[in-house]
Structure formats: structure tokens, C-alpha cells
N, C-alpha and C. Protein backbone atom coordinates (compact mmCIF):
# COMPACT_ATOMS: atom_id res chain seq x y z
N UNK A 1 108.75 106.09 66.29
CA UNK A 1 107.55 105.79 65.53
C UNK A 1 107.91 105.85 64.06
N UNK A 2 107.55 104.82 63.32
CA UNK A 2 107.80 104.81 61.88
C UNK A 2 106.88 105.80 61.20
N UNK A 3 107.41 106.45 60.19
CA UNK A 3 106.58 107.39 59.46
C UNK A 3 105.77 106.63 58.42
N UNK A 4 104.60 107.16 58.06
CA UNK A 4 103.75 106.47 57.10
C UNK A 4 104.42 106.16 55.77
N UNK A 5 105.42 106.90 55.38
CA UNK A 5 106.06 106.67 54.10
C UNK A 5 107.33 105.85 54.18
N UNK A 6 107.68 105.34 55.37
CA UNK A 6 108.97 104.68 55.53
C UNK A 6 109.08 103.41 54.70
N UNK A 7 107.99 102.69 54.47
CA UNK A 7 108.10 101.46 53.70
C UNK A 7 108.15 101.75 52.21
N UNK A 8 107.78 102.95 51.79
CA UNK A 8 107.89 103.34 50.39
C UNK A 8 109.35 103.33 49.94
N UNK A 9 110.24 103.81 50.78
CA UNK A 9 111.64 103.91 50.39
C UNK A 9 112.27 102.54 50.16
N UNK A 10 111.75 101.49 50.76
CA UNK A 10 112.32 100.16 50.56
C UNK A 10 111.90 99.55 49.23
N UNK A 11 110.88 100.12 48.56
CA UNK A 11 110.40 99.58 47.29
C UNK A 11 110.97 100.32 46.09
N UNK A 12 111.80 101.34 46.30
CA UNK A 12 112.31 102.16 45.20
C UNK A 12 113.65 101.64 44.71
N UNK A 13 113.91 101.88 43.41
CA UNK A 13 115.22 101.57 42.86
C UNK A 13 116.21 102.59 43.40
N UNK A 14 117.49 102.34 43.20
CA UNK A 14 118.52 103.26 43.67
C UNK A 14 118.34 104.64 43.03
N UNK A 15 118.01 104.67 41.76
CA UNK A 15 117.79 105.94 41.05
C UNK A 15 116.61 106.70 41.64
N UNK A 16 115.51 105.99 41.87
CA UNK A 16 114.33 106.62 42.46
C UNK A 16 114.62 107.10 43.88
N UNK A 17 115.44 106.35 44.61
CA UNK A 17 115.78 106.71 45.97
C UNK A 17 116.56 108.02 46.00
N UNK A 18 117.49 108.22 45.06
CA UNK A 18 118.27 109.46 44.99
C UNK A 18 117.34 110.64 44.73
N UNK A 19 116.44 110.48 43.78
CA UNK A 19 115.49 111.55 43.46
C UNK A 19 114.60 111.84 44.66
N UNK A 20 114.06 110.79 45.27
CA UNK A 20 113.19 110.95 46.42
C UNK A 20 113.92 111.68 47.55
N UNK A 21 115.15 111.27 47.82
CA UNK A 21 115.91 111.89 48.91
C UNK A 21 116.21 113.36 48.62
N UNK A 22 116.46 113.69 47.36
CA UNK A 22 116.71 115.09 46.99
C UNK A 22 115.46 115.93 47.23
N UNK A 23 114.33 115.41 46.79
CA UNK A 23 113.06 116.12 46.99
C UNK A 23 112.74 116.21 48.48
N UNK A 24 112.95 115.11 49.19
CA UNK A 24 112.68 115.09 50.64
C UNK A 24 113.54 116.11 51.37
N UNK A 25 114.82 116.20 51.01
CA UNK A 25 115.72 117.16 51.66
C UNK A 25 115.28 118.60 51.40
N UNK A 26 114.95 118.90 50.15
CA UNK A 26 114.49 120.25 49.81
C UNK A 26 113.18 120.57 50.51
N UNK A 27 112.25 119.62 50.47
CA UNK A 27 110.95 119.82 51.12
C UNK A 27 111.12 119.98 52.63
N UNK A 28 112.05 119.23 53.23
CA UNK A 28 112.29 119.34 54.67
C UNK A 28 112.82 120.72 55.05
N UNK A 29 113.69 121.27 54.21
CA UNK A 29 114.20 122.62 54.46
C UNK A 29 113.08 123.65 54.35
N UNK A 30 112.22 123.47 53.35
CA UNK A 30 111.09 124.39 53.19
C UNK A 30 110.12 124.27 54.36
N UNK A 31 109.88 123.04 54.80
CA UNK A 31 108.99 122.82 55.94
C UNK A 31 109.51 123.55 57.17
N UNK A 32 110.81 123.43 57.41
CA UNK A 32 111.42 124.12 58.55
C UNK A 32 111.29 125.63 58.40
N UNK A 33 111.56 126.12 57.20
CA UNK A 33 111.53 127.56 56.95
C UNK A 33 110.14 128.15 57.10
N UNK A 34 109.10 127.38 56.76
CA UNK A 34 107.73 127.90 56.75
C UNK A 34 106.86 127.35 57.88
N UNK A 35 107.46 126.81 58.94
CA UNK A 35 106.67 126.30 60.07
C UNK A 35 105.80 127.38 60.69
N UNK A 36 106.34 128.57 60.84
CA UNK A 36 105.56 129.66 61.43
C UNK A 36 104.37 129.98 60.53
N UNK A 37 104.60 130.05 59.23
CA UNK A 37 103.52 130.34 58.29
C UNK A 37 102.45 129.24 58.31
N UNK A 38 102.91 128.00 58.37
CA UNK A 38 101.97 126.87 58.40
C UNK A 38 101.13 126.93 59.68
N UNK A 39 101.79 127.13 60.81
CA UNK A 39 101.04 127.17 62.07
C UNK A 39 100.10 128.37 62.10
N UNK A 40 100.47 129.47 61.45
CA UNK A 40 99.59 130.64 61.39
C UNK A 40 98.41 130.46 60.45
N UNK A 41 98.56 129.59 59.46
CA UNK A 41 97.48 129.36 58.50
C UNK A 41 96.39 128.46 59.06
N UNK A 42 96.72 127.72 60.10
CA UNK A 42 95.76 126.77 60.69
C UNK A 42 95.11 127.45 61.89
N UNK A 43 93.86 127.81 61.73
CA UNK A 43 93.16 128.63 62.74
C UNK A 43 92.46 127.83 63.83
N UNK A 44 92.16 126.57 63.55
CA UNK A 44 91.51 125.71 64.54
C UNK A 44 92.24 124.36 64.55
N UNK A 45 92.15 123.65 65.64
CA UNK A 45 92.86 122.37 65.70
C UNK A 45 92.13 121.26 64.96
N UNK A 46 90.82 121.37 64.86
CA UNK A 46 90.05 120.34 64.14
C UNK A 46 89.86 120.78 62.69
N UNK A 47 90.16 119.97 61.73
CA UNK A 47 90.52 118.55 61.75
C UNK A 47 92.02 118.27 61.68
N UNK A 48 92.86 119.30 61.79
CA UNK A 48 94.29 119.12 61.58
C UNK A 48 94.91 118.10 62.54
N UNK A 49 94.68 118.28 63.85
CA UNK A 49 95.28 117.35 64.82
C UNK A 49 94.74 115.93 64.63
N UNK A 50 93.46 115.84 64.33
CA UNK A 50 92.85 114.52 64.15
C UNK A 50 93.45 113.80 62.93
N UNK A 51 93.68 114.53 61.86
CA UNK A 51 94.27 113.94 60.66
C UNK A 51 95.70 113.46 60.96
N UNK A 52 96.47 114.28 61.68
CA UNK A 52 97.83 113.86 62.03
C UNK A 52 97.83 112.62 62.90
N UNK A 53 96.90 112.55 63.84
CA UNK A 53 96.80 111.37 64.70
C UNK A 53 96.33 110.16 63.91
N UNK A 54 95.28 110.34 63.11
CA UNK A 54 94.70 109.21 62.38
C UNK A 54 95.66 108.62 61.35
N UNK A 55 96.54 109.46 60.80
CA UNK A 55 97.52 108.97 59.82
C UNK A 55 98.84 108.55 60.44
N UNK A 56 98.91 108.60 61.76
CA UNK A 56 100.08 108.07 62.47
C UNK A 56 101.27 109.02 62.57
N UNK A 57 101.06 110.30 62.31
CA UNK A 57 102.17 111.24 62.44
C UNK A 57 102.39 111.64 63.89
N UNK A 58 101.33 111.66 64.68
CA UNK A 58 101.45 111.94 66.10
C UNK A 58 100.76 110.82 66.87
N UNK A 59 101.23 110.61 68.09
CA UNK A 59 100.65 109.57 68.94
C UNK A 59 99.39 110.10 69.63
N UNK A 60 98.65 109.20 70.22
CA UNK A 60 97.49 109.61 71.01
C UNK A 60 97.92 110.52 72.16
N UNK A 61 99.09 110.24 72.72
CA UNK A 61 99.60 111.06 73.82
C UNK A 61 99.91 112.49 73.35
N UNK A 62 100.53 112.61 72.17
CA UNK A 62 100.82 113.94 71.62
C UNK A 62 99.52 114.68 71.32
N UNK A 63 98.56 113.96 70.80
CA UNK A 63 97.25 114.55 70.51
C UNK A 63 96.61 115.08 71.80
N UNK A 64 96.60 114.23 72.84
CA UNK A 64 95.99 114.62 74.11
C UNK A 64 96.72 115.81 74.73
N UNK A 65 98.05 115.80 74.66
CA UNK A 65 98.83 116.91 75.22
C UNK A 65 98.51 118.22 74.48
N UNK A 66 98.35 118.14 73.18
CA UNK A 66 97.99 119.33 72.40
C UNK A 66 96.61 119.84 72.79
N UNK A 67 95.68 118.94 73.03
CA UNK A 67 94.33 119.33 73.44
C UNK A 67 94.36 120.01 74.82
N UNK A 68 95.17 119.47 75.74
CA UNK A 68 95.31 120.07 77.08
C UNK A 68 95.89 121.47 76.94
N UNK A 69 96.90 121.64 76.08
CA UNK A 69 97.50 122.97 75.87
C UNK A 69 96.46 123.96 75.35
N UNK A 70 95.56 123.50 74.51
CA UNK A 70 94.50 124.39 74.00
C UNK A 70 93.60 124.87 75.13
N UNK A 71 93.36 124.00 76.10
CA UNK A 71 92.49 124.36 77.21
C UNK A 71 93.17 125.28 78.21
N UNK A 72 94.51 125.32 78.19
CA UNK A 72 95.24 126.18 79.12
C UNK A 72 95.50 127.55 78.51
N UNK A 73 94.82 127.82 77.42
CA UNK A 73 94.84 129.14 76.79
C UNK A 73 96.12 129.49 76.02
N UNK A 74 96.97 128.52 75.75
CA UNK A 74 98.07 128.80 74.84
C UNK A 74 97.47 129.01 73.47
N UNK A 75 98.11 129.81 72.64
CA UNK A 75 97.55 130.05 71.31
C UNK A 75 97.69 128.80 70.44
N UNK A 76 96.74 128.61 69.56
CA UNK A 76 96.77 127.48 68.64
C UNK A 76 98.04 127.53 67.81
N UNK A 77 98.42 128.73 67.41
CA UNK A 77 99.62 128.89 66.59
C UNK A 77 100.86 128.37 67.32
N UNK A 78 101.00 128.68 68.61
CA UNK A 78 102.15 128.20 69.39
C UNK A 78 102.12 126.68 69.54
N UNK A 79 100.95 126.15 69.82
CA UNK A 79 100.80 124.70 69.99
C UNK A 79 101.17 123.98 68.70
N UNK A 80 100.66 124.48 67.59
CA UNK A 80 100.94 123.84 66.30
C UNK A 80 102.41 124.00 65.92
N UNK A 81 103.00 125.14 66.22
CA UNK A 81 104.42 125.33 65.93
C UNK A 81 105.26 124.30 66.69
N UNK A 82 104.96 124.11 67.97
CA UNK A 82 105.69 123.12 68.76
C UNK A 82 105.51 121.72 68.18
N UNK A 83 104.29 121.40 67.78
CA UNK A 83 104.01 120.09 67.19
C UNK A 83 104.74 119.92 65.86
N UNK A 84 104.71 120.95 65.02
CA UNK A 84 105.41 120.89 63.73
C UNK A 84 106.92 120.76 63.94
N UNK A 85 107.44 121.38 64.99
CA UNK A 85 108.87 121.25 65.31
C UNK A 85 109.21 119.80 65.64
N UNK A 86 108.33 119.13 66.37
CA UNK A 86 108.55 117.71 66.66
C UNK A 86 108.48 116.87 65.40
N UNK A 87 107.52 117.17 64.52
CA UNK A 87 107.38 116.43 63.27
C UNK A 87 108.55 116.67 62.33
N UNK A 88 109.18 117.82 62.46
CA UNK A 88 110.35 118.14 61.63
C UNK A 88 111.48 117.13 61.87
N UNK A 89 111.58 116.63 63.09
CA UNK A 89 112.65 115.69 63.44
C UNK A 89 112.57 114.40 62.62
N UNK A 90 111.38 113.97 62.27
CA UNK A 90 111.19 112.74 61.49
C UNK A 90 110.54 113.04 60.15
N UNK A 91 110.78 114.22 59.62
CA UNK A 91 110.12 114.67 58.40
C UNK A 91 110.26 113.68 57.26
N UNK A 92 109.14 113.47 56.57
CA UNK A 92 109.12 112.70 55.33
C UNK A 92 107.99 113.26 54.48
N UNK A 93 108.04 112.98 53.19
CA UNK A 93 107.07 113.56 52.26
C UNK A 93 105.61 113.22 52.57
N UNK A 94 105.29 112.05 53.13
CA UNK A 94 103.88 111.81 53.46
C UNK A 94 103.28 112.84 54.40
N UNK A 95 104.11 113.51 55.20
CA UNK A 95 103.60 114.58 56.06
C UNK A 95 103.05 115.72 55.20
N UNK A 96 103.74 116.05 54.12
CA UNK A 96 103.23 117.09 53.22
C UNK A 96 101.97 116.62 52.52
N UNK A 97 101.89 115.33 52.23
CA UNK A 97 100.68 114.77 51.62
C UNK A 97 99.49 115.02 52.53
N UNK A 98 99.67 114.86 53.83
CA UNK A 98 98.61 115.12 54.80
C UNK A 98 98.34 116.62 54.92
N UNK A 99 99.40 117.40 55.02
CA UNK A 99 99.28 118.85 55.17
C UNK A 99 98.54 119.49 54.00
N UNK A 100 98.80 118.99 52.80
CA UNK A 100 98.19 119.57 51.61
C UNK A 100 97.05 118.69 51.07
N UNK A 101 96.44 117.89 51.93
CA UNK A 101 95.32 117.04 51.52
C UNK A 101 94.09 117.90 51.25
N UNK A 102 93.15 117.33 50.56
CA UNK A 102 91.93 118.06 50.17
C UNK A 102 91.21 118.63 51.39
N UNK A 103 90.97 117.82 52.39
CA UNK A 103 90.19 118.27 53.55
C UNK A 103 90.92 119.40 54.29
N UNK A 104 92.23 119.30 54.40
CA UNK A 104 92.99 120.33 55.11
C UNK A 104 93.04 121.62 54.29
N UNK A 105 93.27 121.50 53.00
CA UNK A 105 93.33 122.69 52.15
C UNK A 105 91.99 123.42 52.09
N UNK A 106 90.89 122.66 52.12
CA UNK A 106 89.57 123.29 52.12
C UNK A 106 89.29 123.99 53.46
N UNK A 107 89.71 123.38 54.54
CA UNK A 107 89.47 123.94 55.87
C UNK A 107 90.36 125.14 56.15
N UNK A 108 91.58 125.11 55.64
CA UNK A 108 92.56 126.17 55.91
C UNK A 108 93.09 126.73 54.58
N UNK A 109 92.32 127.57 53.91
CA UNK A 109 92.71 128.05 52.58
C UNK A 109 94.01 128.85 52.55
N UNK A 110 94.46 129.38 53.70
CA UNK A 110 95.74 130.10 53.73
C UNK A 110 96.92 129.17 53.42
N UNK A 111 96.72 127.87 53.51
CA UNK A 111 97.78 126.91 53.17
C UNK A 111 98.05 126.87 51.67
N UNK A 112 97.10 127.34 50.86
CA UNK A 112 97.29 127.31 49.40
C UNK A 112 98.51 128.13 49.00
N UNK A 113 98.71 129.25 49.66
CA UNK A 113 99.88 130.09 49.39
C UNK A 113 101.17 129.32 49.72
N UNK A 114 101.17 128.60 50.81
CA UNK A 114 102.34 127.84 51.23
C UNK A 114 102.59 126.69 50.26
N UNK A 115 101.52 126.04 49.80
CA UNK A 115 101.69 124.97 48.81
C UNK A 115 102.32 125.53 47.53
N UNK A 116 101.90 126.73 47.13
CA UNK A 116 102.49 127.35 45.93
C UNK A 116 103.99 127.58 46.11
N UNK A 117 104.41 127.93 47.31
CA UNK A 117 105.84 128.11 47.59
C UNK A 117 106.56 126.78 47.40
N UNK A 118 106.01 125.71 47.95
CA UNK A 118 106.62 124.39 47.79
C UNK A 118 106.66 124.01 46.31
N UNK A 119 105.57 124.25 45.61
CA UNK A 119 105.50 123.90 44.19
C UNK A 119 106.49 124.71 43.35
N UNK A 120 106.72 125.96 43.71
CA UNK A 120 107.69 126.78 42.98
C UNK A 120 109.12 126.32 43.24
N UNK A 121 109.40 125.90 44.45
CA UNK A 121 110.75 125.43 44.79
C UNK A 121 111.00 124.00 44.30
N UNK A 122 109.95 123.20 44.30
CA UNK A 122 110.02 121.80 43.83
C UNK A 122 108.91 121.66 42.79
N UNK A 123 109.18 122.06 41.54
CA UNK A 123 108.11 122.19 40.55
C UNK A 123 107.21 120.97 40.39
N UNK A 124 107.72 119.78 40.58
CA UNK A 124 106.89 118.59 40.40
C UNK A 124 106.68 117.84 41.70
N UNK A 125 106.53 118.59 42.77
CA UNK A 125 106.35 117.96 44.08
C UNK A 125 105.11 117.07 44.10
N UNK A 126 104.09 117.43 43.34
CA UNK A 126 102.88 116.62 43.34
C UNK A 126 103.13 115.22 42.80
N UNK A 127 104.21 115.03 42.04
CA UNK A 127 104.58 113.69 41.57
C UNK A 127 105.03 112.81 42.73
N UNK A 128 105.49 113.44 43.80
CA UNK A 128 106.02 112.71 44.94
C UNK A 128 105.01 112.60 46.08
N UNK A 129 103.88 113.26 45.94
CA UNK A 129 102.82 113.18 46.93
C UNK A 129 101.69 112.35 46.35
N UNK A 130 101.09 111.52 47.16
CA UNK A 130 100.01 110.68 46.65
C UNK A 130 98.76 111.47 46.35
N UNK A 131 98.45 112.46 47.15
CA UNK A 131 97.19 113.19 47.02
C UNK A 131 97.42 114.68 47.04
N UNK A 132 98.26 115.19 46.15
CA UNK A 132 98.49 116.63 46.08
C UNK A 132 97.19 117.35 45.80
N UNK A 133 97.11 118.64 46.12
CA UNK A 133 95.86 119.38 45.94
C UNK A 133 95.28 119.27 44.53
N UNK A 134 96.15 119.24 43.55
CA UNK A 134 95.63 119.15 42.18
C UNK A 134 94.99 117.79 41.90
N UNK A 135 95.47 116.75 42.60
CA UNK A 135 94.90 115.42 42.41
C UNK A 135 93.44 115.38 42.85
N UNK A 136 93.08 116.29 43.70
CA UNK A 136 91.73 116.28 44.26
C UNK A 136 90.72 117.02 43.38
N UNK A 137 91.18 117.63 42.32
CA UNK A 137 90.27 118.34 41.43
C UNK A 137 89.76 117.37 40.36
N UNK A 138 88.56 117.60 39.88
CA UNK A 138 88.01 116.78 38.82
C UNK A 138 88.78 117.05 37.54
N UNK A 139 89.30 115.99 36.92
CA UNK A 139 90.02 116.14 35.66
C UNK A 139 89.71 114.96 34.77
N UNK A 140 89.87 115.15 33.47
CA UNK A 140 89.59 114.06 32.54
C UNK A 140 90.71 113.03 32.58
N UNK A 141 90.39 111.81 32.18
CA UNK A 141 91.37 110.73 32.19
C UNK A 141 92.55 111.01 31.30
N UNK A 142 92.33 111.62 30.15
CA UNK A 142 93.45 111.89 29.24
C UNK A 142 94.41 112.91 29.83
N UNK A 143 93.87 113.92 30.50
CA UNK A 143 94.73 114.93 31.14
C UNK A 143 95.57 114.27 32.22
N UNK A 144 94.96 113.38 33.00
CA UNK A 144 95.67 112.69 34.05
C UNK A 144 96.77 111.81 33.47
N UNK A 145 96.50 111.13 32.35
CA UNK A 145 97.51 110.29 31.72
C UNK A 145 98.70 111.12 31.25
N UNK A 146 98.43 112.28 30.68
CA UNK A 146 99.51 113.17 30.24
C UNK A 146 100.34 113.59 31.43
N UNK A 147 99.68 113.93 32.54
CA UNK A 147 100.41 114.36 33.73
C UNK A 147 101.26 113.24 34.30
N UNK A 148 100.72 112.02 34.32
CA UNK A 148 101.49 110.90 34.83
C UNK A 148 102.72 110.65 33.96
N UNK A 149 102.54 110.77 32.66
CA UNK A 149 103.69 110.66 31.75
C UNK A 149 104.70 111.75 32.01
N UNK A 150 104.22 112.95 32.27
CA UNK A 150 105.13 114.07 32.58
C UNK A 150 105.92 113.77 33.85
N UNK A 151 105.23 113.26 34.88
CA UNK A 151 105.91 112.94 36.13
C UNK A 151 106.96 111.86 35.92
N UNK A 152 106.63 110.84 35.12
CA UNK A 152 107.61 109.80 34.85
C UNK A 152 108.81 110.36 34.10
N UNK A 153 108.56 111.27 33.16
CA UNK A 153 109.64 111.89 32.41
C UNK A 153 110.50 112.76 33.33
N UNK A 154 109.86 113.47 34.25
CA UNK A 154 110.60 114.30 35.20
C UNK A 154 111.55 113.43 36.02
N UNK A 155 111.05 112.30 36.48
CA UNK A 155 111.90 111.42 37.27
C UNK A 155 113.08 110.93 36.44
N UNK A 156 112.85 110.57 35.18
CA UNK A 156 113.94 110.13 34.30
C UNK A 156 114.90 111.28 34.03
N UNK A 157 114.38 112.47 33.74
CA UNK A 157 115.23 113.63 33.49
C UNK A 157 116.04 114.00 34.72
N UNK A 158 115.45 113.83 35.90
CA UNK A 158 116.14 114.17 37.14
C UNK A 158 117.42 113.36 37.28
N UNK A 159 117.36 112.11 36.88
CA UNK A 159 118.56 111.27 36.96
C UNK A 159 119.65 111.83 36.05
N UNK A 160 119.27 112.24 34.87
CA UNK A 160 120.24 112.79 33.92
C UNK A 160 120.82 114.11 34.39
N UNK A 161 120.06 114.85 35.21
CA UNK A 161 120.51 116.15 35.70
C UNK A 161 121.15 116.05 37.09
N UNK A 162 121.57 114.86 37.44
CA UNK A 162 122.23 114.71 38.75
C UNK A 162 121.27 114.71 39.90
N UNK A 163 120.02 114.28 39.67
CA UNK A 163 119.05 114.17 40.75
C UNK A 163 118.33 115.46 41.05
N UNK A 164 118.55 116.51 40.28
CA UNK A 164 117.87 117.77 40.54
C UNK A 164 116.89 118.05 39.41
N UNK A 165 115.74 118.56 39.79
CA UNK A 165 114.71 118.90 38.82
C UNK A 165 114.87 120.37 38.45
N UNK A 166 115.53 120.62 37.33
CA UNK A 166 115.86 121.99 36.95
C UNK A 166 114.90 122.51 35.91
N UNK A 167 114.19 123.55 36.27
CA UNK A 167 113.41 124.30 35.31
C UNK A 167 112.19 123.62 34.73
N UNK A 168 111.86 122.43 35.18
CA UNK A 168 110.70 121.74 34.65
C UNK A 168 109.46 122.21 35.39
N UNK A 169 108.40 122.39 34.71
CA UNK A 169 107.14 122.79 35.33
C UNK A 169 106.10 121.70 35.09
N UNK A 170 105.26 121.52 36.07
CA UNK A 170 104.18 120.54 35.98
C UNK A 170 103.12 121.01 35.00
N UNK A 171 102.40 120.06 34.44
CA UNK A 171 101.28 120.38 33.57
C UNK A 171 100.02 120.68 34.36
N UNK A 172 100.10 120.59 35.67
CA UNK A 172 98.93 120.76 36.52
C UNK A 172 98.44 122.19 36.46
N UNK A 173 97.10 122.37 36.50
CA UNK A 173 96.54 123.73 36.47
C UNK A 173 96.86 124.49 37.74
N UNK A 174 96.93 125.80 37.65
CA UNK A 174 97.20 126.66 38.81
C UNK A 174 96.02 126.70 39.73
């Protein structure tokens, strides 16, 4: 199954591809490291499973199998861990975009701590996600323009630093 972000990589320049792959690799390692924490932060399957299915991360069959497991009294945490382990195999940044989307973050506030971990390890991760949690907050147009300029500068600086984002912090509010 193609991941929702797979066609994005075909539209990037070679320089952007290197940066994207570096961020993707780091984010993938963090995703693997924090799967238990993520599955523990999600207390109910709705709307998490539905969002994964609707955005094409899991098939209808995977969704149905997860629902059956819930009815057989397996813990939600175990079911989600198994599902996240499967998603790890085809990990791409759009998965984090879904995981840290507005609706999911509001429903499962314990994920905010995990997002902060990702943001600390990849300071400008929101530049690589379409709808990072900060994007969902009301902000003025000028602030957004400054942030977009910062993200563009980060991408340019990353190339000069060998594809790694060293020590740069986002202008986004905490």
C-alpha cells in the first residue's frame, strides 16, 4: 500500500530529498522508540483507528481486525502497539502528521508530551508536517509568514550543514 506522502518525494529537488530523508530517518527512529508511549497515550480507539483508515494508513481489513481484537478483551494499548509496529514498516512523515493532528491531539492530550520529544529531537519538524499541532492554533498572518520564512531558511541551512538541522529552534509558540 502506498503511503499518503509517497508522491511528495517525487516532487522534491535532490537537496530537499536529502533533508526530507534525514528528518524521516530520525523521526522513524523516534517513532520506534516511543511506540509504547504512543499506544499508552491513546485511551480509546475512536477516532484514532478511523483517522488511520480514512487517511489510508491502514486498510479496512486492518481496521476490522483491530475492532475484533477490542471485542476479545485485548487491551487497547496492545492492539495499538501491534498496529503501530505494522505502520513502522512503511513509516513516512505523513503518519506523524496524522498522529499529531488537531483532532487526535485534542482527544489524546498525553500525546502532547510525545510531540514535544519529537520537536526537541527534530527542532523544525513542523516544517515537514502539513498540519503540525502549532498550525492548528489561531495565529496572525504576519507571524505565519515569519515562520514560513524560518522554515525555508532552516531547509537552506540544513543543506549547508550536511543535511542536519543543528541547534536551530522554531519560532512556534510552546
